[in-house]
Amino acid sequence: MKIRVYYEDTDAGGIVYHSKYINFCERARSEILFQNGTSPKNGDSFFVVKELNAKYLKSASLGEMLEVTTNIVEKSRISLTLLQEIFNQNKELIFSMTVKLVYVKNAKPYKMDEEIIKILEKSVSY
């Protein structure tokens, strides 16, 4: 998914805030579902972040076009671990994170809907 860096994403020097990289990854995950006719939240079912590990490699700047990629690292009945990477317009890796998501229903871990699994498997790679 392509994301442009806007002024709101940066500090006074035009450099992207550290937390915005995580936001960009969240947006990419949500967009996968939106583009496939569903939503990150379906009634009382949705994903929550259980843990993440982020690596900041280079900074991005105001106006840059970034590319966010998403790959499945591990999958179980109730959780996914994803590798999400952000590349700058020169195709250099600038940010990498693994994130473990747990699917919940009524605030308790729950088996993922088959439709969600199919969408994720066809939209992201292993």
C-alpha atoms as a PDB file:
ATOM      1  CA  MET A   1       0.000   0.000   0.000  1.00  0.00           C
ATOM      2  CA  LYS A   2       1.307   3.425  -0.885  1.00  0.00           C
ATOM      3  CA  ILE A   3       1.209   6.205   1.706  1.00  0.00           C
ATOM      4  CA  ARG A   4       2.215   9.828   1.275  1.00  0.00           C
ATOM      5  CA  VAL A   5       3.841  11.582   4.232  1.00  0.00           C
ATOM      6  CA  TYR A   6       1.801  14.654   5.170  1.00  0.00           C
ATOM      7  CA  TYR A   7       2.741  17.593   7.372  1.00  0.00           C
ATOM      8  CA  GLU A   8       0.645  16.140  10.234  1.00  0.00           C
ATOM      9  CA  ASP A   9       2.934  13.075  10.203  1.00  0.00           C
ATOM     10  CA  THR A  10       6.108  15.068  10.833  1.00  0.00           C
ATOM     11  CA  ASP A  11       7.916  17.176  13.371  1.00  0.00           C
ATOM     12  CA  ALA A  12       8.927  20.810  12.764  1.00  0.00           C
ATOM     13  CA  GLY A  13      11.898  19.613  10.704  1.00  0.00           C
ATOM     14  CA  GLY A  14       9.725  17.591   8.333  1.00  0.00           C
ATOM     15  CA  ILE A  15      10.833  14.196   9.688  1.00  0.00           C
ATOM     16  CA  VAL A  16       8.183  11.514  10.362  1.00  0.00           C
ATOM     17  CA  TYR A  17       7.363  10.972  14.056  1.00  0.00           C
ATOM     18  CA  HIS A  18       8.338   7.508  15.293  1.00  0.00           C
ATOM     19  CA  SER A  19       4.749   6.550  16.180  1.00  0.00           C
ATOM     20  CA  LYS A  20       3.463   7.347  12.689  1.00  0.00           C
ATOM     21  CA  TYR A  21       5.261   4.329  11.202  1.00  0.00           C
ATOM     22  CA  ILE A  22       3.066   2.104  13.371  1.00  0.00           C
ATOM     23  CA  ASN A  23       0.007   4.085  12.223  1.00  0.00           C
ATOM     24  CA  PHE A  24       1.017   3.560   8.576  1.00  0.00           C
ATOM     25  CA  CYS A  25       1.194  -0.209   9.182  1.00  0.00           C
ATOM     26  CA  GLU A  26      -2.201  -0.191  10.905  1.00  0.00           C
ATOM     27  CA  ARG A  27      -3.673   1.692   7.946  1.00  0.00           C
ATOM     28  CA  ALA A  28      -2.237  -0.879   5.531  1.00  0.00           C
ATOM     29  CA  ARG A  29      -3.744  -3.778   7.516  1.00  0.00           C
ATOM     30  CA  SER A  30      -7.143  -2.083   7.593  1.00  0.00           C
ATOM     31  CA  GLU A  31      -6.996  -1.242   3.885  1.00  0.00           C
ATOM     32  CA  ILE A  32      -6.499  -4.923   2.989  1.00  0.00           C
ATOM     33  CA  LEU A  33      -9.891  -5.652   4.545  1.00  0.00           C
ATOM     34  CA  PHE A  34     -11.619  -2.529   3.170  1.00  0.00           C
ATOM     35  CA  GLN A  35     -10.452  -3.327  -0.368  1.00  0.00           C
ATOM     36  CA  ASN A  36     -11.990  -6.772  -0.029  1.00  0.00           C
ATOM     37  CA  GLY A  37     -15.427  -5.559   0.999  1.00  0.00           C
ATOM     38  CA  THR A  38     -15.159  -6.050   4.730  1.00  0.00           C
ATOM     39  CA  SER A  39     -13.955  -4.093   7.746  1.00  0.00           C
ATOM     40  CA  PRO A  40     -11.377  -4.473  10.534  1.00  0.00           C
ATOM     41  CA  LYS A  41     -14.378  -4.471  12.900  1.00  0.00           C
ATOM     42  CA  ASN A  42     -17.354  -6.701  12.180  1.00  0.00           C
ATOM     43  CA  GLY A  43     -19.973  -6.248  14.859  1.00  0.00           C
ATOM     44  CA  ASP A  44     -18.383  -7.385  18.089  1.00  0.00           C
ATOM     45  CA  SER A  45     -15.423  -9.122  16.344  1.00  0.00           C
ATOM     46  CA  PHE A  46     -12.080  -7.494  15.578  1.00  0.00           C
ATOM     47  CA  PHE A  47      -8.304  -7.809  15.910  1.00  0.00           C
ATOM     48  CA  VAL A  48      -6.311  -6.427  18.824  1.00  0.00           C
ATOM     49  CA  VAL A  49      -2.556  -5.990  18.972  1.00  0.00           C
ATOM     50  CA  LYS A  50      -1.033  -8.341  21.526  1.00  0.00           C
ATOM     51  CA  GLU A  51       2.611  -7.448  20.914  1.00  0.00           C
ATOM     52  CA  LEU A  52       4.874  -5.747  18.435  1.00  0.00           C
ATOM     53  CA  ASN A  53       8.558  -5.312  17.809  1.00  0.00           C
ATOM     54  CA  ALA A  54       9.597  -2.280  15.762  1.00  0.00           C
ATOM     55  CA  LYS A  55      12.916  -1.475  14.089  1.00  0.00           C
ATOM     56  CA  TYR A  56      13.584   2.043  12.847  1.00  0.00           C
ATOM     57  CA  LEU A  57      16.243   1.944  10.133  1.00  0.00           C
ATOM     58  CA  LYS A  58      16.007   5.307   8.330  1.00  0.00           C
ATOM     59  CA  SER A  59      13.733   8.314   8.542  1.00  0.00           C
ATOM     60  CA  ALA A  60      11.116   9.468   6.068  1.00  0.00           C
ATOM     61  CA  SER A  61      10.353  13.090   5.223  1.00  0.00           C
ATOM     62  CA  LEU A  62       7.451  15.336   4.354  1.00  0.00           C
ATOM     63  CA  GLY A  63       6.035  14.632   0.907  1.00  0.00           C
ATOM     64  CA  GLU A  64       7.659  11.235   0.400  1.00  0.00           C
ATOM     65  CA  MET A  65       5.706   8.309  -1.017  1.00  0.00           C
ATOM     66  CA  LEU A  66       6.169   5.196   1.100  1.00  0.00           C
ATOM     67  CA  GLU A  67       5.253   1.579   0.376  1.00  0.00           C
ATOM     68  CA  VAL A  68       3.957  -0.644   3.195  1.00  0.00           C
ATOM     69  CA  THR A  69       4.149  -4.408   2.669  1.00  0.00           C
ATOM     70  CA  THR A  70       2.449  -7.027   4.823  1.00  0.00           C
ATOM     71  CA  ASN A  71       3.390 -10.702   5.095  1.00  0.00           C
ATOM     72  CA  ILE A  72       2.046 -13.488   7.297  1.00  0.00           C
ATOM     73  CA  VAL A  73       4.768 -14.996   9.498  1.00  0.00           C
ATOM     74  CA  GLU A  74       2.605 -17.277  11.636  1.00  0.00           C
ATOM     75  CA  LYS A  75      -1.080 -18.144  11.808  1.00  0.00           C
ATOM     76  CA  SER A  76      -3.241 -19.984  14.322  1.00  0.00           C
ATOM     77  CA  ARG A  77      -7.002 -20.246  14.799  1.00  0.00           C
ATOM     78  CA  ILE A  78      -7.145 -17.055  16.876  1.00  0.00           C
ATOM     79  CA  SER A  79      -4.014 -15.095  16.027  1.00  0.00           C
ATOM     80  CA  LEU A  80      -1.738 -13.869  13.261  1.00  0.00           C
ATOM     81  CA  THR A  81       1.838 -12.694  13.375  1.00  0.00           C
ATOM     82  CA  LEU A  82       2.650 -10.324  10.541  1.00  0.00           C
ATOM     83  CA  LEU A  83       5.842  -8.795   9.222  1.00  0.00           C
ATOM     84  CA  GLN A  84       5.193  -5.279   7.997  1.00  0.00           C
ATOM     85  CA  GLU A  85       7.886  -3.287   6.253  1.00  0.00           C
ATOM     86  CA  ILE A  86       7.997   0.266   4.992  1.00  0.00           C
ATOM     87  CA  PHE A  87      10.130   1.240   2.013  1.00  0.00           C
ATOM     88  CA  ASN A  88      10.948   4.764   0.858  1.00  0.00           C
ATOM     89  CA  GLN A  89      10.582   5.963  -2.722  1.00  0.00           C
ATOM     90  CA  ASN A  90      14.104   4.682  -3.461  1.00  0.00           C
ATOM     91  CA  LYS A  91      12.912   1.182  -2.422  1.00  0.00           C
ATOM     92  CA  GLU A  92      15.126   1.260   0.691  1.00  0.00           C
ATOM     93  CA  LEU A  93      13.808  -0.479   3.812  1.00  0.00           C
ATOM     94  CA  ILE A  94      13.271   2.234   6.445  1.00  0.00           C
ATOM     95  CA  PHE A  95      11.054   0.488   9.033  1.00  0.00           C
ATOM     96  CA  SER A  96      10.253  -3.097   9.961  1.00  0.00           C
ATOM     97  CA  MET A  97       7.918  -4.539  12.550  1.00  0.00           C
ATOM     98  CA  THR A  98       6.438  -7.830  13.585  1.00  0.00           C
ATOM     99  CA  VAL A  99       3.002  -7.587  15.118  1.00  0.00           C
ATOM    100  CA  LYS A 100       0.927 -10.311  16.757  1.00  0.00           C
ATOM    101  CA  LEU A 101      -2.802  -9.795  16.345  1.00  0.00           C
ATOM    102  CA  VAL A 102      -5.435 -11.711  18.289  1.00  0.00           C
ATOM    103  CA  TYR A 103      -8.969 -12.019  16.959  1.00  0.00           C
ATOM    104  CA  VAL A 104     -11.555 -11.292  19.634  1.00  0.00           C
ATOM    105  CA  LYS A 105     -15.315 -11.488  19.923  1.00  0.00           C
ATOM    106  CA  ASN A 106     -17.130 -10.009  22.913  1.00  0.00           C
ATOM    107  CA  ALA A 107     -13.680  -9.052  24.301  1.00  0.00           C
ATOM    108  CA  LYS A 108     -12.456 -12.693  24.384  1.00  0.00           C
ATOM    109  CA  PRO A 109     -10.099 -14.557  22.010  1.00  0.00           C
ATOM    110  CA  TYR A 110     -12.179 -16.182  19.295  1.00  0.00           C
ATOM    111  CA  LYS A 111     -11.652 -18.302  16.180  1.00  0.00           C
ATOM    112  CA  MET A 112     -11.125 -16.122  13.095  1.00  0.00           C
ATOM    113  CA  ASP A 113     -13.927 -16.032  10.546  1.00  0.00           C
ATOM    114  CA  GLU A 114     -13.101 -18.107   7.448  1.00  0.00           C
ATOM    115  CA  GLU A 115     -13.822 -15.080   5.234  1.00  0.00           C
ATOM    116  CA  ILE A 116     -11.160 -13.027   7.055  1.00  0.00           C
ATOM    117  CA  ILE A 117      -8.612 -15.856   6.728  1.00  0.00           C
ATOM    118  CA  LYS A 118      -9.275 -16.191   2.976  1.00  0.00           C
ATOM    119  CA  ILE A 119      -8.928 -12.434   2.423  1.00  0.00           C
ATOM    120  CA  LEU A 120      -5.668 -12.256   4.335  1.00  0.00           C
ATOM    121  CA  GLU A 121      -4.193 -15.329   2.654  1.00  0.00           C
ATOM    122  CA  LYS A 122      -4.924 -14.021  -0.838  1.00  0.00           C
ATOM    123  CA  SER A 123      -3.910 -10.419  -0.082  1.00  0.00           C
ATOM    124  CA  VAL A 124      -0.641 -10.973   1.781  1.00  0.00           C
ATOM    125  CA  SER A 125       2.121 -13.507   1.266  1.00  0.00           C
ATOM    126  CA  TYR A 126       3.972 -15.939   3.483  1.00  0.00           C
END
